[in-house]
């Protein structure tokens, strides 16, 4: 008895609703239970005291693992094209991303005559 050839998976067509608004995130919080991962994507602006969560994604552990794999592969492609993305090692990532901004320097004072 011979087995039939494996079925080829068809690519999934993604439909993006015209009402869908993009969410900018510079902070992510990840939590998990025994059956799911919860990813909160947030925006933290200088001077704010709290981050504003713009999107929450809940995934199965398998989907989270596949996302990790896809991000790893895509980061490698990105770095091959644009160069390495360096993560600061002298401080925490949060310190690097959210350190207080220095105020911009004012215009140079003109010499008083």
N, C-alpha and C. Protein backbone atom coordinates (compact mmCIF):
# COMPACT_ATOMS: atom_id res chain seq x y z
N UNK A 1 0.84 -1.17 0.00
CA UNK A 1 0.00 0.00 0.00
C UNK A 1 0.89 1.24 0.00
N UNK A 2 0.64 2.15 -0.92
CA UNK A 2 1.41 3.40 -0.98
C UNK A 2 0.55 4.54 -0.44
N UNK A 3 1.25 5.45 0.21
CA UNK A 3 0.56 6.60 0.78
C UNK A 3 0.43 7.70 -0.28
N UNK A 4 -0.66 8.45 -0.24
CA UNK A 4 -0.78 9.55 -1.18
C UNK A 4 0.25 10.63 -0.86
N UNK A 5 0.64 11.43 -1.85
CA UNK A 5 1.62 12.49 -1.58
C UNK A 5 1.04 13.51 -0.60
N UNK A 6 1.92 14.13 0.20
CA UNK A 6 1.41 15.11 1.17
C UNK A 6 0.75 16.29 0.45
N UNK A 7 -0.31 16.82 1.06
CA UNK A 7 -1.02 17.93 0.47
C UNK A 7 -0.22 19.20 0.63
N UNK A 8 -0.16 20.00 -0.42
CA UNK A 8 0.52 21.28 -0.37
C UNK A 8 -0.42 22.29 0.28
N UNK A 9 0.06 22.99 1.27
CA UNK A 9 -0.75 24.02 1.92
C UNK A 9 -0.83 25.25 1.02
N UNK A 10 -2.03 25.77 0.86
CA UNK A 10 -2.21 26.98 0.06
C UNK A 10 -1.91 28.18 0.94
N UNK A 11 -1.27 29.22 0.37
CA UNK A 11 -1.00 30.42 1.18
C UNK A 11 -2.30 31.05 1.65
N UNK A 12 -2.27 31.56 2.85
CA UNK A 12 -3.44 32.23 3.42
C UNK A 12 -3.51 33.64 2.86
N UNK A 13 -4.67 34.02 2.38
CA UNK A 13 -4.88 35.38 1.90
C UNK A 13 -5.30 36.24 3.09
N UNK A 14 -4.57 37.32 3.34
CA UNK A 14 -4.91 38.22 4.43
C UNK A 14 -5.74 39.38 3.90
N UNK A 15 -6.82 39.65 4.56
CA UNK A 15 -7.64 40.80 4.20
C UNK A 15 -7.54 41.81 5.33
N UNK A 16 -7.11 43.01 5.00
CA UNK A 16 -7.00 44.08 5.99
C UNK A 16 -8.16 45.04 5.79
N UNK A 17 -8.97 45.18 6.80
CA UNK A 17 -10.13 46.06 6.73
C UNK A 17 -9.66 47.50 6.54
N UNK A 18 -10.32 48.26 5.70
CA UNK A 18 -9.93 49.66 5.54
C UNK A 18 -10.13 50.47 6.83
N UNK A 19 -10.92 49.95 7.77
CA UNK A 19 -11.14 50.65 9.05
C UNK A 19 -10.05 50.35 10.07
N UNK A 20 -9.16 49.40 9.78
CA UNK A 20 -8.12 49.02 10.73
C UNK A 20 -7.09 50.14 10.83
N UNK A 21 -6.85 50.61 12.04
CA UNK A 21 -5.86 51.65 12.26
C UNK A 21 -4.56 51.03 12.73
N UNK A 22 -3.43 51.44 12.17
CA UNK A 22 -2.15 50.92 12.64
C UNK A 22 -1.89 51.38 14.08
N UNK A 23 -1.16 50.57 14.81
CA UNK A 23 -0.80 50.89 16.19
C UNK A 23 0.71 50.95 16.28
N UNK A 24 1.24 52.08 16.76
CA UNK A 24 2.67 52.20 17.00
C UNK A 24 2.95 51.69 18.41
N UNK A 25 3.95 50.85 18.55
CA UNK A 25 4.32 50.34 19.87
C UNK A 25 5.83 50.41 20.04
N UNK A 26 6.27 50.94 21.16
CA UNK A 26 7.69 50.91 21.50
C UNK A 26 7.91 50.17 22.82
N UNK A 27 6.86 49.46 23.24
CA UNK A 27 6.92 48.70 24.48
C UNK A 27 5.98 47.51 24.34
N UNK A 28 6.41 46.36 24.80
CA UNK A 28 5.55 45.18 24.79
C UNK A 28 5.64 44.49 26.14
N UNK A 29 4.50 44.03 26.61
CA UNK A 29 4.45 43.23 27.84
C UNK A 29 3.92 41.86 27.45
N UNK A 30 4.60 40.83 27.90
CA UNK A 30 4.22 39.47 27.55
C UNK A 30 3.92 38.70 28.83
N UNK A 31 2.76 38.07 28.85
CA UNK A 31 2.36 37.22 29.97
C UNK A 31 1.87 35.91 29.40
N UNK A 32 1.83 34.87 30.23
CA UNK A 32 1.33 33.59 29.73
C UNK A 32 0.73 32.78 30.85
N UNK A 33 -0.21 31.96 30.45
CA UNK A 33 -0.79 30.95 31.32
C UNK A 33 -0.46 29.60 30.71
N UNK A 34 -1.14 28.59 31.14
CA UNK A 34 -0.83 27.24 30.64
C UNK A 34 -1.31 27.03 29.21
N UNK A 35 -2.28 27.83 28.74
CA UNK A 35 -2.84 27.59 27.42
C UNK A 35 -2.73 28.75 26.45
N UNK A 36 -2.19 29.90 26.91
CA UNK A 36 -2.13 31.04 26.00
C UNK A 36 -1.04 32.03 26.40
N UNK A 37 -0.62 32.80 25.41
CA UNK A 37 0.28 33.92 25.61
C UNK A 37 -0.52 35.19 25.36
N UNK A 38 -0.27 36.21 26.17
CA UNK A 38 -0.93 37.51 26.00
C UNK A 38 0.16 38.54 25.73
N UNK A 39 0.06 39.21 24.60
CA UNK A 39 1.02 40.24 24.22
C UNK A 39 0.30 41.58 24.20
N UNK A 40 0.72 42.49 25.06
CA UNK A 40 0.19 43.85 25.07
C UNK A 40 1.22 44.75 24.40
N UNK A 41 0.79 45.46 23.38
CA UNK A 41 1.66 46.40 22.67
C UNK A 41 1.27 47.80 23.10
N UNK A 42 2.26 48.57 23.56
CA UNK A 42 1.97 49.87 24.14
C UNK A 42 2.88 50.95 23.57
N UNK A 43 2.45 52.17 23.81
CA UNK A 43 3.20 53.36 23.39
C UNK A 43 3.53 54.12 24.67
N UNK A 44 4.82 54.41 24.84
CA UNK A 44 5.28 55.15 26.01
C UNK A 44 6.03 56.37 25.52
N UNK A 45 5.49 57.54 25.81
CA UNK A 45 6.08 58.79 25.33
C UNK A 45 6.87 59.46 26.44
N UNK A 46 7.95 60.15 26.08
CA UNK A 46 8.73 60.85 27.11
C UNK A 46 7.84 61.79 27.91
N UNK A 47 8.03 61.77 29.21
CA UNK A 47 7.25 62.62 30.10
C UNK A 47 5.99 61.97 30.62
N UNK A 48 5.53 60.91 29.98
CA UNK A 48 4.35 60.21 30.46
C UNK A 48 4.70 59.39 31.69
N UNK A 49 3.70 59.14 32.52
CA UNK A 49 3.90 58.31 33.71
C UNK A 49 3.43 56.89 33.49
N UNK A 50 2.65 56.66 32.45
CA UNK A 50 2.19 55.30 32.17
C UNK A 50 2.13 55.11 30.66
N UNK A 51 2.22 53.86 30.26
CA UNK A 51 2.18 53.50 28.83
C UNK A 51 0.73 53.27 28.43
N UNK A 52 0.41 53.63 27.21
CA UNK A 52 -0.94 53.44 26.67
C UNK A 52 -0.96 52.18 25.81
N UNK A 53 -1.69 51.15 26.24
CA UNK A 53 -1.79 49.91 25.47
C UNK A 53 -2.69 50.18 24.26
N UNK A 54 -2.16 49.88 23.07
CA UNK A 54 -2.91 50.11 21.84
C UNK A 54 -3.48 48.83 21.25
N UNK A 55 -2.89 47.69 21.61
CA UNK A 55 -3.37 46.42 21.05
C UNK A 55 -3.00 45.28 22.00
N UNK A 56 -3.89 44.32 22.09
CA UNK A 56 -3.64 43.10 22.87
C UNK A 56 -3.85 41.92 21.94
N UNK A 57 -2.85 41.03 21.89
CA UNK A 57 -2.93 39.84 21.04
C UNK A 57 -2.82 38.63 21.96
N UNK A 58 -3.77 37.71 21.82
CA UNK A 58 -3.77 36.48 22.61
C UNK A 58 -3.53 35.32 21.65
N UNK A 59 -2.54 34.50 21.95
CA UNK A 59 -2.17 33.40 21.05
C UNK A 59 -1.92 32.12 21.83
N UNK A 60 -2.04 31.02 21.11
CA UNK A 60 -1.70 29.72 21.69
C UNK A 60 -0.18 29.63 21.82
N UNK A 61 0.32 28.73 22.67
CA UNK A 61 1.77 28.55 22.76
C UNK A 61 2.39 28.19 21.41
N UNK A 62 1.71 27.37 20.60
CA UNK A 62 2.23 27.03 19.28
C UNK A 62 2.33 28.27 18.40
N UNK A 63 1.29 29.09 18.39
CA UNK A 63 1.31 30.31 17.58
C UNK A 63 2.41 31.25 18.06
N UNK A 64 2.62 31.35 19.38
CA UNK A 64 3.68 32.20 19.92
C UNK A 64 5.06 31.69 19.49
N UNK A 65 5.24 30.38 19.51
CA UNK A 65 6.52 29.80 19.09
C UNK A 65 6.77 30.05 17.60
N UNK A 66 5.72 29.92 16.79
CA UNK A 66 5.85 30.19 15.36
C UNK A 66 6.12 31.68 15.11
N UNK A 67 5.52 32.57 15.91
CA UNK A 67 5.82 34.00 15.80
C UNK A 67 7.28 34.27 16.14
N UNK A 68 7.77 33.65 17.21
CA UNK A 68 9.18 33.79 17.57
C UNK A 68 10.08 33.35 16.42
N UNK A 69 9.77 32.23 15.82
CA UNK A 69 10.56 31.72 14.69
C UNK A 69 10.51 32.71 13.52
N UNK A 70 9.32 33.22 13.20
CA UNK A 70 9.18 34.16 12.09
C UNK A 70 9.92 35.47 12.37
N UNK A 71 9.85 35.96 13.60
CA UNK A 71 10.58 37.19 13.95
C UNK A 71 12.10 36.97 13.85
N UNK A 72 12.57 35.82 14.32
CA UNK A 72 14.00 35.51 14.25
C UNK A 72 14.46 35.46 12.80
N UNK A 73 13.71 34.78 11.94
CA UNK A 73 14.07 34.70 10.51
C UNK A 73 14.04 36.08 9.85
N UNK A 74 13.02 36.87 10.15
CA UNK A 74 12.91 38.19 9.54
C UNK A 74 13.96 39.15 10.06
N UNK A 75 14.33 39.07 11.34
CA UNK A 75 15.40 39.92 11.86
C UNK A 75 16.72 39.58 11.18
N UNK A 76 16.98 38.29 10.95
CA UNK A 76 18.21 37.90 10.25
C UNK A 76 18.23 38.48 8.84
N UNK A 77 17.10 38.43 8.14
CA UNK A 77 17.03 39.01 6.79
C UNK A 77 17.24 40.52 6.84
N UNK A 78 16.61 41.18 7.81
CA UNK A 78 16.75 42.62 7.97
C UNK A 78 18.21 43.00 8.19
N UNK A 79 18.88 42.29 9.13
CA UNK A 79 20.27 42.61 9.44
C UNK A 79 21.19 42.30 8.28
N UNK A 80 20.89 41.29 7.49
CA UNK A 80 21.69 41.01 6.30
C UNK A 80 21.59 42.15 5.29
N UNK A 81 20.45 42.80 5.24
CA UNK A 81 20.23 43.90 4.29
C UNK A 81 20.72 45.24 4.84
N UNK A 82 20.38 45.54 6.10
CA UNK A 82 20.59 46.88 6.64
C UNK A 82 21.68 46.97 7.71
N UNK A 83 22.21 45.87 8.15
CA UNK A 83 23.22 45.88 9.20
C UNK A 83 22.63 45.47 10.54
N UNK A 84 23.53 45.21 11.47
CA UNK A 84 23.14 44.68 12.78
C UNK A 84 22.32 45.69 13.57
N UNK A 85 21.35 45.19 14.29
CA UNK A 85 20.60 45.98 15.26
C UNK A 85 21.21 45.68 16.61
N UNK A 86 21.83 46.68 17.21
CA UNK A 86 22.54 46.48 18.47
C UNK A 86 21.65 46.79 19.65
N UNK A 87 21.58 45.86 20.58
CA UNK A 87 20.85 46.06 21.82
C UNK A 87 21.85 46.55 22.85
N UNK A 88 21.56 47.67 23.52
CA UNK A 88 22.52 48.19 24.50
C UNK A 88 22.76 47.18 25.62
N UNK A 89 24.02 47.07 26.05
CA UNK A 89 24.33 46.11 27.10
C UNK A 89 24.71 46.78 28.40
N UNK A 90 25.03 48.08 28.38
CA UNK A 90 25.47 48.74 29.61
C UNK A 90 24.32 49.12 30.53
N UNK A 91 23.11 49.10 30.01
CA UNK A 91 21.93 49.41 30.81
C UNK A 91 20.80 48.51 30.35
N UNK A 92 19.67 48.61 30.99
CA UNK A 92 18.55 47.81 30.56
C UNK A 92 17.97 48.40 29.29
N UNK A 93 17.26 47.60 28.54
CA UNK A 93 16.62 48.09 27.32
C UNK A 93 15.64 49.20 27.65
N UNK A 94 14.92 49.07 28.75
CA UNK A 94 13.97 50.12 29.14
C UNK A 94 14.70 51.43 29.43
N UNK A 95 15.86 51.37 30.09
CA UNK A 95 16.64 52.58 30.36
C UNK A 95 17.05 53.24 29.05
N UNK A 96 17.45 52.43 28.09
CA UNK A 96 17.89 52.97 26.81
C UNK A 96 16.74 53.60 26.05
N UNK A 97 15.59 52.93 26.02
CA UNK A 97 14.46 53.43 25.25
C UNK A 97 13.76 54.61 25.91
N UNK A 98 13.71 54.62 27.24
CA UNK A 98 12.84 55.58 27.92
C UNK A 98 13.60 56.55 28.81
N UNK A 99 14.89 56.75 28.55
CA UNK A 99 15.62 57.72 29.36
C UNK A 99 15.05 59.12 29.10
N UNK A 100 15.14 59.99 30.09
CA UNK A 100 14.59 61.33 29.89
C UNK A 100 15.29 62.04 28.73
N UNK A 101 14.51 62.79 27.99
CA UNK A 101 15.07 63.55 26.88
C UNK A 101 15.75 64.80 27.41
N UNK A 102 16.86 65.14 26.80
CA UNK A 102 17.49 66.41 27.11
C UNK A 102 16.75 67.50 26.36
N UNK A 103 16.46 68.63 27.01
CA UNK A 103 15.75 69.67 26.28
C UNK A 103 16.62 70.18 25.14
N UNK A 104 15.99 70.57 24.03
CA UNK A 104 16.78 71.07 22.92
C UNK A 104 17.49 72.36 23.32
N UNK A 105 18.65 72.55 22.75
CA UNK A 105 19.39 73.77 23.03
C UNK A 105 18.69 74.93 22.36
N UNK A 106 18.67 76.07 23.05
CA UNK A 106 18.07 77.27 22.49
C UNK A 106 18.97 77.84 21.41
N UNK A 107 18.46 78.85 20.72
CA UNK A 107 19.29 79.46 19.66
C UNK A 107 20.51 80.12 20.30
N UNK A 108 21.62 80.15 19.58
CA UNK A 108 22.82 80.75 20.15
C UNK A 108 22.57 82.23 20.44
N UNK A 109 23.12 82.65 21.57
CA UNK A 109 22.95 84.06 21.93
C UNK A 109 23.84 84.90 21.03
N UNK A 110 23.29 86.02 20.60
CA UNK A 110 24.07 86.92 19.76
C UNK A 110 24.96 87.75 20.66
N UNK A 111 26.14 88.04 20.17
CA UNK A 111 27.07 88.88 20.94
C UNK A 111 26.46 90.24 21.15
N UNK A 112 26.50 90.68 22.40
CA UNK A 112 25.98 92.01 22.72
C UNK A 112 27.08 93.01 22.43
N UNK A 113 26.77 94.05 21.74
CA UNK A 113 27.78 95.06 21.40
C UNK A 113 27.58 96.30 22.20
